[in-house]
Amino acid sequence: MATVIPFKAIRPERDKVHLVASRSVDGYNTSELKDKLAGNPYSFLHVINPDFEDGVKTKPGSRERLYKIKKRFKSFINEHVFLRDEKPCYYLYRQVKQGNTYIGIIGCTSIDDYINGTIKIHEQTLTQREEKLKDYLEVCEFNAEPVLFCYPNDSEIDALCQNVLTYYPDYDFTTTDKVRHSVWVINKSKSIKLLQEQFAKIPAIYIADGHHRSASSSLLGRLRRSQQKNYTGREAYNYYLGVFFPENQLRIYDYNRIVKDLGAISITRLLAQVKENFVVTAIEASVFKPRQKHELSMYAEGRWYALKAKEGVYKSDDPVGSLDASILTDYILSPILGIHDLKIDKRIGFISGIKGPEALKATVDDGKAEVAFGLYPVTMEHLKWIADTNNSMPPKSTWVEPKMRSGLLIYSLED
């Protein structure tokens, strides 16, 4: 059964929250990052990029850099940029983006749930990145961005959330990307008890986004347990930060592919070989998206095509092989274009479906790619099928919304 517990959040003062909370640092290019740091002294980006303040360059991921991050975080606390809740609480989070509303609970989950499989995964992690994030947690000792989880819809939790929404939020702000963020602190004993008991009835929860953060938290916890033989299981390192959405509150978008270089093969030859396993239809439209599972879109030389996988190309009872991302790789990218490993081949690129087919078209029209492929979004049922059968998806198979801000609610590992 799932463990989701309240915690004492370190969080921005109300008048600074809109200045503190930031996108993940990976979401900014170099120029944007510099502008954000120069124009906003309260941005959480200053914690993650402490070199900006003193101008002394340190190597990313080095112990020197990590200790500077921790020191900068402490200074934010000492300067009253952050406050600390006095008792463990849950936090209701609501995001409104592009007409979609997402409502979830922020709390902490147990590394034991990750170890014993109560937390289900659908993506394999890279050992090097796990170790890097573990080192970060070991030195910095805080979670600043929650792992995104989903759980089966629960009427009791839904009812509590709807009641909390009737009150004025503790935070309510809109960021420059036109996304509205609202947070309610759930500190009533009755509500805390209900949430903890309801989550404990749920047999499994699923990682929607944050596999490496989960794996690194587990690594750190096991390391510290080995160093502290008399651990109780209640130490802070036994838990990590998560935001928990019911299945009907998440939206899974497609994650599409662009091929930057076709080598010696022409589009005409590519289409001829694609027709061996797909029914190819030219589409007379300015933009086009796949309309159903096992239909791909392709854009090249100013034209869209629908590629419908023929019967027998995939096995419907194979959770991985029947993914459209797998079908694209197995029957087009690998055998025709020679792109076998999507993790390392520099000819392949990825564009999230939230940007729409227009982004695929523009990338090709601008000469940044020779061909683009669009996928039909993976369903929640298929994601769970992958996880429940202990399988993993190909890289970049899903783009899950909502995306959380860093520095909004922080879990300390120092307790």
Protein backbone atom coordinates (compact mmCIF):
# COMPACT_ATOMS: atom_id res chain seq x y z
CA MET A 1 0.00 0.00 0.00
CA ALA A 2 1.18 3.51 -0.82
CA THR A 3 2.98 5.68 1.71
CA VAL A 4 2.31 9.40 1.28
CA ILE A 5 3.08 11.48 4.35
CA PRO A 6 2.86 15.18 5.27
CA PHE A 7 6.04 17.20 5.75
CA LYS A 8 7.22 20.59 7.01
CA ALA A 9 7.83 22.49 3.80
CA ILE A 10 10.42 25.16 3.32
CA ARG A 11 8.65 27.58 1.00
CA PRO A 12 8.82 31.19 -0.22
CA GLU A 13 7.33 34.08 1.70
CA ARG A 14 4.00 34.90 0.12
CA ASP A 15 5.12 38.25 -1.32
CA LYS A 16 8.12 36.61 -3.05
CA VAL A 17 6.70 33.31 -4.32
CA HIS A 18 6.18 34.57 -7.88
CA LEU A 19 9.80 35.68 -7.94
CA VAL A 20 11.30 32.56 -6.35
CA ALA A 21 9.63 29.66 -8.18
CA SER A 22 11.37 28.87 -11.46
CA ARG A 23 11.27 26.39 -14.28
CA SER A 24 13.82 23.60 -14.16
CA VAL A 25 17.23 24.96 -15.05
CA ASP A 26 17.23 22.71 -18.14
CA GLY A 27 14.30 24.74 -19.45
CA TYR A 28 16.44 27.84 -20.08
CA ASN A 29 19.06 28.44 -22.72
CA THR A 30 22.28 30.26 -21.76
CA SER A 31 20.99 33.71 -22.71
CA GLU A 32 17.66 33.26 -20.92
CA LEU A 33 19.37 31.96 -17.80
CA LYS A 34 21.72 34.93 -17.67
CA ASP A 35 18.83 37.37 -18.05
CA LYS A 36 16.81 35.65 -15.31
CA LEU A 37 19.73 35.70 -12.88
CA ALA A 38 20.58 39.34 -13.64
CA GLY A 39 17.01 40.57 -13.40
CA ASN A 40 15.66 38.67 -10.39
CA PRO A 41 17.71 38.31 -7.18
CA TYR A 42 15.04 36.09 -5.61
CA SER A 43 14.87 33.44 -8.33
CA PHE A 44 15.58 29.90 -7.16
CA LEU A 45 17.92 29.76 -10.13
CA HIS A 46 20.43 31.63 -7.93
CA VAL A 47 20.48 28.61 -5.61
CA ILE A 48 21.06 26.15 -8.45
CA ASN A 49 23.57 28.49 -10.16
CA PRO A 50 25.54 29.95 -7.23
CA ASP A 51 28.52 30.92 -9.39
CA PHE A 52 26.59 33.90 -10.76
CA GLU A 53 26.76 35.75 -7.44
CA ASP A 54 30.52 35.66 -6.89
CA GLY A 55 31.67 35.10 -10.47
CA VAL A 56 33.89 32.19 -9.44
CA LYS A 57 33.37 29.31 -11.88
CA THR A 58 33.00 25.78 -10.54
CA LYS A 59 32.54 22.53 -12.43
CA PRO A 60 28.89 21.38 -12.71
CA GLY A 61 28.31 18.41 -10.42
CA SER A 62 31.54 18.93 -8.51
CA ARG A 63 31.58 18.84 -4.72
CA GLU A 64 32.71 22.46 -4.78
CA ARG A 65 29.62 23.45 -6.79
CA LEU A 66 27.30 21.37 -4.61
CA TYR A 67 28.54 22.96 -1.39
CA LYS A 68 28.02 26.38 -2.95
CA ILE A 69 24.43 25.40 -3.80
CA LYS A 70 23.82 24.37 -0.21
CA LYS A 71 25.35 27.60 1.11
CA ARG A 72 23.22 29.71 -1.24
CA PHE A 73 20.10 27.83 -0.16
CA LYS A 74 20.93 28.52 3.50
CA SER A 75 21.37 32.20 2.70
CA PHE A 76 17.89 32.32 1.16
CA ILE A 77 16.53 30.95 4.45
CA ASN A 78 18.56 33.39 6.56
CA GLU A 79 17.47 36.31 4.39
CA HIS A 80 13.80 35.33 4.94
CA VAL A 81 13.18 34.54 1.31
CA PHE A 82 11.89 31.20 2.64
CA LEU A 83 9.80 30.29 5.66
CA ARG A 84 9.39 26.88 7.31
CA ASP A 85 6.07 25.36 8.34
CA GLU A 86 6.00 24.44 12.02
CA LYS A 87 4.09 21.17 11.62
CA PRO A 88 3.90 18.52 8.89
CA CYS A 89 1.30 19.44 6.28
CA TYR A 90 0.03 18.32 2.93
CA TYR A 91 -0.26 20.90 0.16
CA LEU A 92 -2.94 21.14 -2.50
CA TYR A 93 -1.53 22.30 -5.81
CA ARG A 94 -3.51 23.59 -8.78
CA GLN A 95 -2.13 24.55 -12.17
CA VAL A 96 -4.07 26.13 -15.01
CA LYS A 97 -2.35 26.02 -18.39
CA GLN A 98 -3.73 26.48 -21.89
CA GLY A 99 -7.28 25.87 -20.66
CA ASN A 100 -6.36 22.69 -18.76
CA THR A 101 -6.64 22.46 -14.96
CA TYR A 102 -4.54 20.03 -12.90
CA ILE A 103 -5.15 19.43 -9.18
CA GLY A 104 -2.89 17.28 -7.01
CA ILE A 105 -1.50 16.73 -3.51
CA ILE A 106 2.11 17.45 -2.59
CA GLY A 107 3.60 15.21 0.09
CA CYS A 108 6.47 12.76 0.57
CA THR A 109 6.68 9.11 -0.37
CA SER A 110 8.92 6.34 0.96
CA ILE A 111 12.04 4.93 -0.67
CA ASP A 112 10.80 1.53 0.56
CA ASP A 113 7.80 1.87 -1.75
CA TYR A 114 10.25 2.42 -4.60
CA ILE A 115 12.40 -0.54 -3.55
CA ASN A 116 9.50 -3.00 -3.04
CA GLY A 117 7.63 -2.04 -6.22
CA THR A 118 4.65 -0.23 -4.72
CA ILE A 119 5.92 2.66 -6.81
CA LYS A 120 5.70 1.50 -10.42
CA ILE A 121 8.16 2.61 -13.09
CA HIS A 122 7.92 2.62 -16.88
CA GLU A 123 11.38 3.94 -17.74
CA GLN A 124 14.88 2.62 -17.12
CA THR A 125 17.38 5.00 -15.57
CA LEU A 126 21.02 5.73 -16.40
CA THR A 127 23.43 4.74 -13.62
CA GLN A 128 25.68 7.76 -14.20
CA ARG A 129 22.79 10.19 -13.82
CA GLU A 130 21.47 8.34 -10.75
CA GLU A 131 24.87 8.72 -9.08
CA LYS A 132 25.11 12.38 -10.04
CA LEU A 133 21.72 13.18 -8.51
CA LYS A 134 22.54 11.07 -5.45
CA ASP A 135 25.68 13.13 -4.90
CA TYR A 136 23.60 16.29 -5.20
CA LEU A 137 21.17 15.07 -2.53
CA GLU A 138 23.95 13.87 -0.27
CA VAL A 139 25.59 17.29 -0.15
CA CYS A 140 22.72 19.74 -0.68
CA GLU A 141 20.17 17.79 1.41
CA PHE A 142 16.94 19.07 -0.09
CA ASN A 143 14.36 18.17 -2.74
CA ALA A 144 13.32 21.30 -4.64
CA GLU A 145 11.23 19.75 -7.42
CA PRO A 146 8.73 16.96 -6.73
CA VAL A 147 8.53 13.72 -8.65
CA LEU A 148 5.27 13.53 -10.61
CA PHE A 149 3.12 10.56 -9.55
CA CYS A 150 -0.34 9.38 -10.52
CA TYR A 151 -2.75 7.18 -8.58
CA PRO A 152 -6.17 5.61 -9.27
CA ASN A 153 -9.01 8.11 -8.91
CA ASP A 154 -10.25 8.25 -5.31
CA SER A 155 -13.60 9.87 -4.44
CA GLU A 156 -12.61 10.61 -0.82
CA ILE A 157 -9.45 12.46 -1.83
CA ASP A 158 -11.37 14.25 -4.59
CA ALA A 159 -14.00 15.43 -2.10
CA LEU A 160 -11.37 16.75 0.29
CA CYS A 161 -9.63 18.60 -2.53
CA GLN A 162 -12.87 20.21 -3.67
CA ASN A 163 -13.52 21.40 -0.12
CA VAL A 164 -10.02 22.90 0.19
CA LEU A 165 -10.52 24.73 -3.11
CA THR A 166 -13.38 26.72 -1.57
CA TYR A 167 -10.87 28.58 0.61
CA TYR A 168 -8.54 31.38 -0.43
CA PRO A 169 -5.18 29.93 -1.53
CA ASP A 170 -1.94 30.57 0.34
CA TYR A 171 -0.26 31.18 -3.01
CA ASP A 172 -1.87 32.31 -6.25
CA PHE A 173 0.31 33.69 -9.02
CA THR A 174 0.77 33.58 -12.77
CA THR A 175 4.19 33.14 -14.37
CA THR A 176 5.46 34.79 -17.54
CA ASP A 177 4.64 31.67 -19.57
CA LYS A 178 0.96 32.34 -18.77
CA VAL A 179 0.64 29.43 -16.34
CA ARG A 180 -1.33 30.00 -13.12
CA HIS A 181 -0.11 28.28 -9.95
CA SER A 182 -2.11 28.04 -6.71
CA VAL A 183 -1.22 26.33 -3.41
CA TRP A 184 -3.30 25.64 -0.30
CA VAL A 185 -1.66 24.50 2.95
CA ILE A 186 -3.57 21.52 4.41
CA ASN A 187 -2.78 21.67 8.13
CA LYS A 188 -5.97 20.47 9.82
CA SER A 189 -5.43 17.23 11.70
CA LYS A 190 -8.64 15.66 10.39
CA SER A 191 -7.73 16.36 6.76
CA ILE A 192 -4.16 15.11 7.23
CA LYS A 193 -5.43 11.89 8.80
CA LEU A 194 -7.92 11.31 5.98
CA LEU A 195 -5.33 11.83 3.25
CA GLN A 196 -2.77 9.56 4.87
CA GLU A 197 -5.36 6.82 5.40
CA GLN A 198 -6.76 7.07 1.86
CA PHE A 199 -3.34 6.89 0.25
CA ALA A 200 -2.55 3.87 2.44
CA LYS A 201 -5.49 2.07 0.77
CA ILE A 202 -4.02 2.52 -2.71
CA PRO A 203 -2.09 -0.61 -3.79
CA ALA A 204 0.28 1.14 -6.20
CA ILE A 205 1.25 4.55 -7.52
CA TYR A 206 2.96 5.27 -10.84
CA ILE A 207 5.83 7.56 -11.72
CA ALA A 208 4.70 9.82 -14.53
CA ASP A 209 7.86 11.95 -14.56
CA GLY A 210 10.96 11.77 -12.34
CA HIS A 211 12.44 8.28 -12.59
CA HIS A 212 16.00 9.47 -12.00
CA ARG A 213 15.00 11.58 -9.00
CA SER A 214 13.27 8.54 -7.49
CA ALA A 215 16.23 6.26 -8.15
CA SER A 216 18.72 8.75 -6.69
CA SER A 217 16.65 9.22 -3.53
CA SER A 218 16.60 5.46 -3.09
CA LEU A 219 20.38 5.31 -3.60
CA LEU A 220 20.97 7.97 -0.97
CA GLY A 221 18.61 6.33 1.49
CA ARG A 222 20.29 2.95 1.18
CA LEU A 223 23.72 4.57 1.52
CA ARG A 224 22.77 6.36 4.73
CA ARG A 225 21.12 3.25 6.13
CA SER A 226 24.38 1.39 5.61
CA GLN A 227 26.19 4.15 7.48
CA GLN A 228 23.65 4.29 10.31
CA LYS A 229 22.99 0.75 11.49
CA ASN A 230 20.36 1.76 14.06
CA TYR A 231 18.19 3.76 11.69
CA THR A 232 14.49 3.84 12.58
CA GLY A 233 12.99 4.34 9.12
CA ARG A 234 11.62 7.72 10.18
CA GLU A 235 14.74 9.68 9.21
CA ALA A 236 14.18 12.29 6.51
CA TYR A 237 16.38 10.44 4.00
CA ASN A 238 13.84 7.60 3.96
CA TYR A 239 11.41 9.84 2.05
CA TYR A 240 11.39 12.14 -0.95
CA LEU A 241 9.17 14.84 -2.41
CA GLY A 242 6.29 14.07 -4.76
CA VAL A 243 3.20 15.62 -6.26
CA PHE A 244 0.36 13.12 -6.55
CA PHE A 245 -2.32 13.50 -9.20
CA PRO A 246 -5.31 11.24 -9.77
CA GLU A 247 -5.15 9.62 -13.20
CA ASN A 248 -7.86 11.86 -14.62
CA GLN A 249 -5.86 14.98 -13.73
CA LEU A 250 -2.80 14.19 -15.85
CA ARG A 251 -2.44 14.73 -19.56
CA ILE A 252 -0.04 12.65 -21.64
CA TYR A 253 1.13 14.27 -24.85
CA ASP A 254 2.98 12.73 -27.74
CA TYR A 255 6.78 13.04 -27.88
CA ASN A 256 7.75 13.40 -31.51
CA ARG A 257 10.91 12.75 -33.53
CA ILE A 258 12.89 14.75 -36.04
CA VAL A 259 15.69 13.35 -38.19
CA LYS A 260 18.34 15.95 -38.94
CA ASP A 261 20.22 14.06 -41.65
CA LEU A 262 18.97 11.34 -43.98
CA GLY A 263 22.41 10.69 -45.42
CA ALA A 264 22.29 9.34 -48.96
CA ILE A 265 18.62 8.30 -48.88
CA SER A 266 16.03 10.49 -50.62
CA ILE A 267 12.50 11.16 -49.41
CA THR A 268 11.18 9.27 -52.45
CA ARG A 269 13.24 6.21 -51.53
CA LEU A 270 12.32 6.58 -47.87
CA LEU A 271 8.61 6.54 -48.71
CA ALA A 272 9.03 3.54 -50.98
CA GLN A 273 10.62 1.53 -48.17
CA VAL A 274 8.12 2.77 -45.58
CA LYS A 275 5.28 1.39 -47.76
CA GLU A 276 6.48 -2.16 -47.07
CA ASN A 277 5.06 -1.97 -43.53
CA PHE A 278 2.73 1.05 -43.63
CA VAL A 279 -0.18 2.28 -45.68
CA VAL A 280 1.02 5.72 -46.81
CA THR A 281 -1.48 8.48 -47.57
CA ALA A 282 -0.56 11.99 -48.72
CA ILE A 283 -2.42 14.60 -46.64
CA GLU A 284 -3.61 17.85 -48.17
CA ALA A 285 -3.42 20.04 -45.06
CA SER A 286 -1.13 22.66 -43.59
CA VAL A 287 -0.73 20.63 -40.38
CA PHE A 288 -1.59 17.05 -39.50
CA LYS A 289 -1.62 14.92 -36.36
CA PRO A 290 -2.09 11.14 -36.07
CA ARG A 291 -5.77 10.41 -35.51
CA GLN A 292 -5.51 7.00 -33.88
CA LYS A 293 -3.14 4.50 -32.33
CA HIS A 294 -0.62 2.95 -34.77
CA GLU A 295 -0.94 5.85 -37.19
CA LEU A 296 2.14 8.06 -37.53
CA SER A 297 2.49 11.41 -39.23
CA MET A 298 5.45 12.29 -41.41
CA TYR A 299 6.45 15.69 -42.76
CA ALA A 300 9.08 16.22 -45.44
CA GLU A 301 9.68 18.51 -48.40
CA GLY A 302 6.62 20.62 -47.59
CA ARG A 303 4.14 17.75 -47.40
CA TRP A 304 2.40 15.67 -44.73
CA TYR A 305 1.82 11.92 -44.90
CA ALA A 306 -0.21 9.55 -42.75
CA LEU A 307 1.56 6.24 -42.08
CA LYS A 308 -0.79 3.50 -40.90
CA ALA A 309 0.96 0.36 -39.64
CA LYS A 310 -0.19 -2.71 -41.54
CA GLU A 311 -1.74 -5.73 -39.82
CA GLY A 312 0.92 -8.05 -38.45
CA VAL A 313 3.61 -5.37 -38.16
CA TYR A 314 3.19 -5.25 -34.38
CA LYS A 315 1.92 -7.68 -31.77
CA SER A 316 -1.06 -6.23 -29.93
CA ASP A 317 -0.25 -8.33 -26.85
CA ASP A 318 3.30 -6.94 -26.60
CA PRO A 319 3.24 -3.92 -24.24
CA VAL A 320 6.50 -2.46 -25.58
CA GLY A 321 6.43 -3.61 -29.20
CA SER A 322 2.91 -2.22 -29.71
CA LEU A 323 3.96 1.29 -28.69
CA ASP A 324 3.97 3.66 -31.63
CA ALA A 325 7.43 4.88 -30.58
CA SER A 326 8.67 1.30 -30.87
CA ILE A 327 6.96 0.76 -34.22
CA LEU A 328 8.61 3.90 -35.61
CA THR A 329 12.05 2.79 -34.43
CA ASP A 330 11.67 -0.88 -35.34
CA TYR A 331 10.35 -0.35 -38.89
CA ILE A 332 11.64 3.07 -40.01
CA LEU A 333 14.37 4.67 -37.91
CA SER A 334 16.50 1.57 -37.38
CA PRO A 335 16.18 -0.55 -40.57
CA ILE A 336 15.83 2.27 -43.10
CA LEU A 337 17.71 5.22 -41.58
CA GLY A 338 20.24 3.34 -39.46
CA ILE A 339 19.26 5.09 -36.24
CA HIS A 340 19.48 2.27 -33.70
CA ASP A 341 20.06 3.98 -30.34
CA LEU A 342 17.91 7.05 -29.71
CA LYS A 343 19.95 7.93 -26.60
CA ILE A 344 23.21 8.56 -28.44
CA ASP A 345 22.54 9.07 -32.15
CA LYS A 346 23.05 12.77 -32.89
CA ARG A 347 20.85 12.65 -35.98
CA ILE A 348 17.70 12.20 -33.92
CA GLY A 349 15.92 14.98 -32.06
CA PHE A 350 12.75 15.24 -29.99
CA ILE A 351 9.92 17.78 -29.84
CA SER A 352 7.16 17.58 -27.24
CA GLY A 353 3.62 17.26 -28.48
CA ILE A 354 2.54 20.25 -26.42
CA LYS A 355 4.11 22.39 -29.15
CA GLY A 356 1.81 20.86 -31.75
CA PRO A 357 2.48 19.65 -35.31
CA GLU A 358 3.35 23.22 -36.23
CA ALA A 359 6.68 22.80 -34.43
CA LEU A 360 7.51 19.72 -36.52
CA LYS A 361 6.65 21.54 -39.74
CA ALA A 362 8.67 24.62 -38.77
CA THR A 363 11.73 22.55 -37.85
CA VAL A 364 11.80 20.93 -41.29
CA ASP A 365 10.87 24.10 -43.20
CA ASP A 366 13.67 25.99 -41.43
CA GLY A 367 16.20 23.37 -42.53
CA LYS A 368 16.95 22.12 -39.01
CA ALA A 369 15.73 18.63 -39.94
CA GLU A 370 15.01 16.72 -43.14
CA VAL A 371 12.01 14.79 -41.90
CA ALA A 372 9.72 14.83 -38.86
CA PHE A 373 7.55 12.06 -37.41
CA GLY A 374 4.54 12.60 -35.15
CA LEU A 375 3.20 9.97 -32.75
CA TYR A 376 -0.21 9.32 -31.28
CA PRO A 377 -0.13 9.98 -27.49
CA VAL A 378 0.41 7.01 -25.16
CA THR A 379 -2.69 6.32 -23.05
CA MET A 380 -2.63 6.08 -19.27
CA GLU A 381 -3.76 2.47 -19.60
CA HIS A 382 -0.78 1.63 -21.81
CA LEU A 383 1.63 3.39 -19.44
CA LYS A 384 0.29 1.31 -16.54
CA TRP A 385 0.46 -1.85 -18.67
CA ILE A 386 4.16 -1.20 -19.25
CA ALA A 387 4.78 -0.56 -15.55
CA ASP A 388 2.69 -3.47 -14.28
CA THR A 389 4.56 -5.93 -16.51
CA ASN A 390 7.96 -4.60 -15.42
CA ASN A 391 8.75 -3.31 -18.88
CA SER A 392 10.13 0.04 -19.94
CA MET A 393 9.31 2.46 -22.72
CA PRO A 394 11.77 3.67 -25.35
CA PRO A 395 13.42 7.04 -24.60
CA LYS A 396 11.19 10.11 -24.92
CA SER A 397 7.92 8.22 -25.34
CA THR A 398 5.73 10.56 -23.30
CA TRP A 399 5.49 14.23 -22.39
CA VAL A 400 3.40 14.51 -19.24
CA GLU A 401 1.70 17.66 -18.00
CA PRO A 402 1.71 19.47 -15.66
CA LYS A 403 5.32 20.48 -15.20
CA MET A 404 6.21 21.73 -11.73
CA ARG A 405 8.23 24.77 -10.66
CA SER A 406 11.45 24.40 -8.67
CA GLY A 407 11.66 26.09 -5.28
CA LEU A 408 7.92 26.29 -4.71
CA LEU A 409 7.83 23.68 -1.94
CA ILE A 410 11.07 22.20 -0.62
CA TYR A 411 11.64 19.06 1.44
CA SER A 412 14.65 19.12 3.76
CA LEU A 413 16.71 15.98 4.27
CA GLU A 414 18.47 17.45 7.30
CA ASP A 415 15.75 16.66 9.86
